[in-house]
């Protein structure tokens, strides 16, 4: 999406301690605050959470840990008792422009599928079906997914901001 908008970006992997919090906004903001002194140029990072209604928002901001430990089939197994499969994804991008931090949030409602489908994407994409779609995120083309996904929406907001406020 950045490339299509002619906005150059580069990846910088960094290790740091991430707080444990109940929402992605707090985790993203805290991470940005921790890193702003060591990067030395404008940057952004994101945090994403899968929130399942019948599990009271679990795994939420603990989505990465849950994906590594019980994975997609573990989530499906948790819902096998006939629980409501309604869920949402939230992505919060925190952008530091060298002076202040701004946040951009993308959100999508949907349901957890009965079984994994599709080979695209990553993480929970094979089990998450956005509202109004008969496909999981993993079954969608890159363009379809970016148009409806939480991350695509947050990135679109950041791109729009950067186009108005070039670095």
C-alpha atoms as a PDB file:
ATOM      1  CA  UNK A   1       0.000   0.000   0.000  1.00  0.00           C
ATOM      2  CA  UNK A   2       2.881   2.354   0.732  1.00  0.00           C
ATOM      3  CA  UNK A   3       4.576   1.449  -2.540  1.00  0.00           C
ATOM      4  CA  UNK A   4       1.360   2.088  -4.486  1.00  0.00           C
ATOM      5  CA  UNK A   5       1.210   5.505  -2.795  1.00  0.00           C
ATOM      6  CA  UNK A   6       4.873   6.250  -3.623  1.00  0.00           C
ATOM      7  CA  UNK A   7       5.775   6.469   0.059  1.00  0.00           C
ATOM      8  CA  UNK A   8       9.129   4.801   0.709  1.00  0.00           C
ATOM      9  CA  UNK A   9       9.446   2.803   3.915  1.00  0.00           C
ATOM     10  CA  UNK A  10      11.972   0.351   5.285  1.00  0.00           C
ATOM     11  CA  UNK A  11      11.743  -2.351   7.934  1.00  0.00           C
ATOM     12  CA  UNK A  12      13.773  -2.171  11.107  1.00  0.00           C
ATOM     13  CA  UNK A  13      13.442  -5.083  13.508  1.00  0.00           C
ATOM     14  CA  UNK A  14      14.014  -4.210  17.143  1.00  0.00           C
ATOM     15  CA  UNK A  15      13.717  -6.127  20.391  1.00  0.00           C
ATOM     16  CA  UNK A  16      12.080  -4.407  23.342  1.00  0.00           C
ATOM     17  CA  UNK A  17       9.828  -5.281  26.266  1.00  0.00           C
ATOM     18  CA  UNK A  18       6.149  -4.971  25.410  1.00  0.00           C
ATOM     19  CA  UNK A  19       3.676  -4.130  28.154  1.00  0.00           C
ATOM     20  CA  UNK A  20       0.779  -6.427  28.960  1.00  0.00           C
ATOM     21  CA  UNK A  21      -2.408  -4.396  28.648  1.00  0.00           C
ATOM     22  CA  UNK A  22      -6.058  -5.013  27.859  1.00  0.00           C
ATOM     23  CA  UNK A  23      -6.167  -3.042  24.626  1.00  0.00           C
ATOM     24  CA  UNK A  24      -4.078  -2.665  21.486  1.00  0.00           C
ATOM     25  CA  UNK A  25      -4.074   1.146  21.662  1.00  0.00           C
ATOM     26  CA  UNK A  26      -2.136   1.126  24.941  1.00  0.00           C
ATOM     27  CA  UNK A  27       0.328  -1.521  23.758  1.00  0.00           C
ATOM     28  CA  UNK A  28       1.027   0.346  20.507  1.00  0.00           C
ATOM     29  CA  UNK A  29       1.460   3.700  22.265  1.00  0.00           C
ATOM     30  CA  UNK A  30       3.756   2.312  24.969  1.00  0.00           C
ATOM     31  CA  UNK A  31       5.918   0.566  22.356  1.00  0.00           C
ATOM     32  CA  UNK A  32       6.237   3.783  20.347  1.00  0.00           C
ATOM     33  CA  UNK A  33       7.218   5.761  23.457  1.00  0.00           C
ATOM     34  CA  UNK A  34       9.885   3.174  24.293  1.00  0.00           C
ATOM     35  CA  UNK A  35      11.401   3.251  20.804  1.00  0.00           C
ATOM     36  CA  UNK A  36      11.222   6.946  19.903  1.00  0.00           C
ATOM     37  CA  UNK A  37      14.535   7.728  21.606  1.00  0.00           C
ATOM     38  CA  UNK A  38      16.480   4.967  19.878  1.00  0.00           C
ATOM     39  CA  UNK A  39      15.344   5.195  16.249  1.00  0.00           C
ATOM     40  CA  UNK A  40      16.258   8.812  15.519  1.00  0.00           C
ATOM     41  CA  UNK A  41      13.871   9.390  12.589  1.00  0.00           C
ATOM     42  CA  UNK A  42      10.128   9.276  11.970  1.00  0.00           C
ATOM     43  CA  UNK A  43       8.753   5.748  12.292  1.00  0.00           C
ATOM     44  CA  UNK A  44       5.589   3.799  12.889  1.00  0.00           C
ATOM     45  CA  UNK A  45       4.726   0.487  14.466  1.00  0.00           C
ATOM     46  CA  UNK A  46       1.502  -1.383  14.900  1.00  0.00           C
ATOM     47  CA  UNK A  47      -0.227  -3.675  17.316  1.00  0.00           C
ATOM     48  CA  UNK A  48      -3.154  -5.881  16.383  1.00  0.00           C
ATOM     49  CA  UNK A  49      -5.644  -7.816  18.453  1.00  0.00           C
ATOM     50  CA  UNK A  50      -8.333 -10.374  17.694  1.00  0.00           C
ATOM     51  CA  UNK A  51     -11.289  -9.865  20.041  1.00  0.00           C
ATOM     52  CA  UNK A  52     -13.804 -12.741  20.260  1.00  0.00           C
ATOM     53  CA  UNK A  53     -17.111 -11.628  21.763  1.00  0.00           C
ATOM     54  CA  UNK A  54     -18.121 -14.875  23.499  1.00  0.00           C
ATOM     55  CA  UNK A  55     -14.633 -15.174  25.031  1.00  0.00           C
ATOM     56  CA  UNK A  56     -14.981 -11.670  26.538  1.00  0.00           C
ATOM     57  CA  UNK A  57     -12.498 -10.191  24.082  1.00  0.00           C
ATOM     58  CA  UNK A  58      -9.907 -12.962  24.352  1.00  0.00           C
ATOM     59  CA  UNK A  59      -7.256 -13.155  22.972  1.00  0.00           C
ATOM     60  CA  UNK A  60      -7.267  -9.376  22.341  1.00  0.00           C
ATOM     61  CA  UNK A  61      -3.798  -7.860  22.804  1.00  0.00           C
ATOM     62  CA  UNK A  62      -2.443 -11.335  23.612  1.00  0.00           C
ATOM     63  CA  UNK A  63      -3.148 -12.520  20.053  1.00  0.00           C
ATOM     64  CA  UNK A  64       0.502 -13.154  19.139  1.00  0.00           C
ATOM     65  CA  UNK A  65       1.056 -15.331  22.187  1.00  0.00           C
ATOM     66  CA  UNK A  66      -2.162 -17.273  21.606  1.00  0.00           C
ATOM     67  CA  UNK A  67      -1.283 -17.772  17.922  1.00  0.00           C
ATOM     68  CA  UNK A  68       2.114 -19.192  18.926  1.00  0.00           C
ATOM     69  CA  UNK A  69       0.726 -21.476  21.625  1.00  0.00           C
ATOM     70  CA  UNK A  70      -2.684 -22.825  20.576  1.00  0.00           C
ATOM     71  CA  UNK A  71      -2.926 -21.462  17.031  1.00  0.00           C
ATOM     72  CA  UNK A  72      -5.960 -21.283  14.795  1.00  0.00           C
ATOM     73  CA  UNK A  73      -7.207 -24.750  15.682  1.00  0.00           C
ATOM     74  CA  UNK A  74      -7.005 -23.873  19.369  1.00  0.00           C
ATOM     75  CA  UNK A  75      -9.272 -20.883  18.785  1.00  0.00           C
ATOM     76  CA  UNK A  76     -11.698 -23.049  16.801  1.00  0.00           C
ATOM     77  CA  UNK A  77     -11.640 -25.658  19.590  1.00  0.00           C
ATOM     78  CA  UNK A  78     -12.454 -22.993  22.196  1.00  0.00           C
ATOM     79  CA  UNK A  79     -15.578 -22.106  20.199  1.00  0.00           C
ATOM     80  CA  UNK A  80     -16.585 -25.738  19.496  1.00  0.00           C
ATOM     81  CA  UNK A  81     -19.091 -25.731  22.370  1.00  0.00           C
ATOM     82  CA  UNK A  82     -21.499 -23.733  20.242  1.00  0.00           C
ATOM     83  CA  UNK A  83     -20.341 -20.347  21.465  1.00  0.00           C
ATOM     84  CA  UNK A  84     -21.090 -17.224  19.463  1.00  0.00           C
ATOM     85  CA  UNK A  85     -18.393 -16.854  16.791  1.00  0.00           C
ATOM     86  CA  UNK A  86     -18.659 -13.050  16.457  1.00  0.00           C
ATOM     87  CA  UNK A  87     -15.300 -11.317  16.592  1.00  0.00           C
ATOM     88  CA  UNK A  88     -13.428  -8.205  15.583  1.00  0.00           C
ATOM     89  CA  UNK A  89      -9.909  -7.264  14.665  1.00  0.00           C
ATOM     90  CA  UNK A  90      -8.339  -3.983  15.726  1.00  0.00           C
ATOM     91  CA  UNK A  91      -5.038  -2.596  14.490  1.00  0.00           C
ATOM     92  CA  UNK A  92      -3.520   0.524  16.018  1.00  0.00           C
ATOM     93  CA  UNK A  93      -0.597   2.181  14.250  1.00  0.00           C
ATOM     94  CA  UNK A  94       1.450   4.585  16.340  1.00  0.00           C
ATOM     95  CA  UNK A  95       3.439   7.059  14.250  1.00  0.00           C
ATOM     96  CA  UNK A  96       6.220   9.225  15.677  1.00  0.00           C
ATOM     97  CA  UNK A  97       7.042  12.186  13.437  1.00  0.00           C
ATOM     98  CA  UNK A  98      10.112  13.222  15.428  1.00  0.00           C
ATOM     99  CA  UNK A  99       8.099  15.431  17.760  1.00  0.00           C
ATOM    100  CA  UNK A 100       4.784  13.812  18.635  1.00  0.00           C
ATOM    101  CA  UNK A 101       2.986  10.479  18.445  1.00  0.00           C
ATOM    102  CA  UNK A 102      -0.218  10.066  16.452  1.00  0.00           C
ATOM    103  CA  UNK A 103      -2.361   6.937  16.350  1.00  0.00           C
ATOM    104  CA  UNK A 104      -4.410   5.488  13.503  1.00  0.00           C
ATOM    105  CA  UNK A 105      -6.915   2.716  14.142  1.00  0.00           C
ATOM    106  CA  UNK A 106      -8.494   0.174  11.827  1.00  0.00           C
ATOM    107  CA  UNK A 107     -11.365  -2.064  12.844  1.00  0.00           C
ATOM    108  CA  UNK A 108     -13.308  -4.875  11.197  1.00  0.00           C
ATOM    109  CA  UNK A 109     -16.182  -7.015  12.492  1.00  0.00           C
ATOM    110  CA  UNK A 110     -16.679 -10.595  11.432  1.00  0.00           C
ATOM    111  CA  UNK A 111     -16.895 -14.189  12.605  1.00  0.00           C
ATOM    112  CA  UNK A 112     -14.537 -17.038  13.337  1.00  0.00           C
ATOM    113  CA  UNK A 113     -14.931 -19.699  10.645  1.00  0.00           C
ATOM    114  CA  UNK A 114     -15.734 -23.320  11.496  1.00  0.00           C
ATOM    115  CA  UNK A 115     -12.389 -24.428  10.043  1.00  0.00           C
ATOM    116  CA  UNK A 116      -9.322 -22.762   8.472  1.00  0.00           C
ATOM    117  CA  UNK A 117      -9.595 -21.881   4.776  1.00  0.00           C
ATOM    118  CA  UNK A 118      -7.220 -20.231   2.355  1.00  0.00           C
ATOM    119  CA  UNK A 119      -3.497 -19.977   1.931  1.00  0.00           C
ATOM    120  CA  UNK A 120      -2.972 -16.224   1.799  1.00  0.00           C
ATOM    121  CA  UNK A 121      -2.178 -13.841   4.604  1.00  0.00           C
ATOM    122  CA  UNK A 122      -0.865 -14.931   7.976  1.00  0.00           C
ATOM    123  CA  UNK A 123      -1.877 -15.415  11.596  1.00  0.00           C
ATOM    124  CA  UNK A 124      -5.625 -15.641  12.073  1.00  0.00           C
ATOM    125  CA  UNK A 125      -6.437 -14.819   8.418  1.00  0.00           C
ATOM    126  CA  UNK A 126      -7.494 -18.440   7.638  1.00  0.00           C
ATOM    127  CA  UNK A 127     -10.179 -18.383  10.362  1.00  0.00           C
ATOM    128  CA  UNK A 128     -11.518 -14.810  10.223  1.00  0.00           C
ATOM    129  CA  UNK A 129     -14.383 -13.921   7.868  1.00  0.00           C
ATOM    130  CA  UNK A 130     -15.188 -10.189   7.661  1.00  0.00           C
ATOM    131  CA  UNK A 131     -18.852  -9.179   7.907  1.00  0.00           C
ATOM    132  CA  UNK A 132     -20.591  -9.468   4.568  1.00  0.00           C
ATOM    133  CA  UNK A 133     -18.010 -11.862   3.137  1.00  0.00           C
ATOM    134  CA  UNK A 134     -18.196 -15.590   2.495  1.00  0.00           C
ATOM    135  CA  UNK A 135     -14.381 -15.709   2.381  1.00  0.00           C
ATOM    136  CA  UNK A 136     -11.775 -15.728   5.115  1.00  0.00           C
ATOM    137  CA  UNK A 137      -9.067 -13.071   4.904  1.00  0.00           C
ATOM    138  CA  UNK A 138      -6.709 -15.860   3.753  1.00  0.00           C
ATOM    139  CA  UNK A 139      -8.973 -16.602   0.770  1.00  0.00           C
ATOM    140  CA  UNK A 140      -9.000 -12.993  -0.419  1.00  0.00           C
ATOM    141  CA  UNK A 141      -6.677 -11.391  -2.911  1.00  0.00           C
ATOM    142  CA  UNK A 142      -4.231  -8.846  -1.534  1.00  0.00           C
ATOM    143  CA  UNK A 143      -6.421  -6.019  -2.885  1.00  0.00           C
ATOM    144  CA  UNK A 144      -9.662  -7.474  -1.458  1.00  0.00           C
ATOM    145  CA  UNK A 145      -8.087  -7.983   1.945  1.00  0.00           C
ATOM    146  CA  UNK A 146      -6.601  -4.464   2.120  1.00  0.00           C
ATOM    147  CA  UNK A 147      -9.983  -2.955   1.263  1.00  0.00           C
ATOM    148  CA  UNK A 148     -11.761  -4.592   4.222  1.00  0.00           C
ATOM    149  CA  UNK A 149      -9.120  -5.510   6.786  1.00  0.00           C
ATOM    150  CA  UNK A 150      -8.323  -3.761  10.039  1.00  0.00           C
ATOM    151  CA  UNK A 151      -4.679  -3.332   9.060  1.00  0.00           C
ATOM    152  CA  UNK A 152      -5.587  -2.028   5.595  1.00  0.00           C
ATOM    153  CA  UNK A 153      -7.878   0.588   7.141  1.00  0.00           C
ATOM    154  CA  UNK A 154      -5.232   1.742   9.635  1.00  0.00           C
ATOM    155  CA  UNK A 155      -2.549   1.885   6.929  1.00  0.00           C
ATOM    156  CA  UNK A 156      -4.894   3.882   4.654  1.00  0.00           C
ATOM    157  CA  UNK A 157      -5.336   6.458   7.420  1.00  0.00           C
ATOM    158  CA  UNK A 158      -1.575   6.711   7.946  1.00  0.00           C
ATOM    159  CA  UNK A 159      -0.933   7.031   4.208  1.00  0.00           C
ATOM    160  CA  UNK A 160      -3.557   9.779   3.939  1.00  0.00           C
ATOM    161  CA  UNK A 161      -1.897  11.615   6.830  1.00  0.00           C
ATOM    162  CA  UNK A 162       1.597  11.248   5.313  1.00  0.00           C
ATOM    163  CA  UNK A 163       0.389  12.542   1.946  1.00  0.00           C
ATOM    164  CA  UNK A 164      -0.855  15.692   3.659  1.00  0.00           C
ATOM    165  CA  UNK A 165       2.178  15.955   5.969  1.00  0.00           C
ATOM    166  CA  UNK A 166       5.221  14.640   4.058  1.00  0.00           C
ATOM    167  CA  UNK A 167       8.293  13.700   6.080  1.00  0.00           C
END
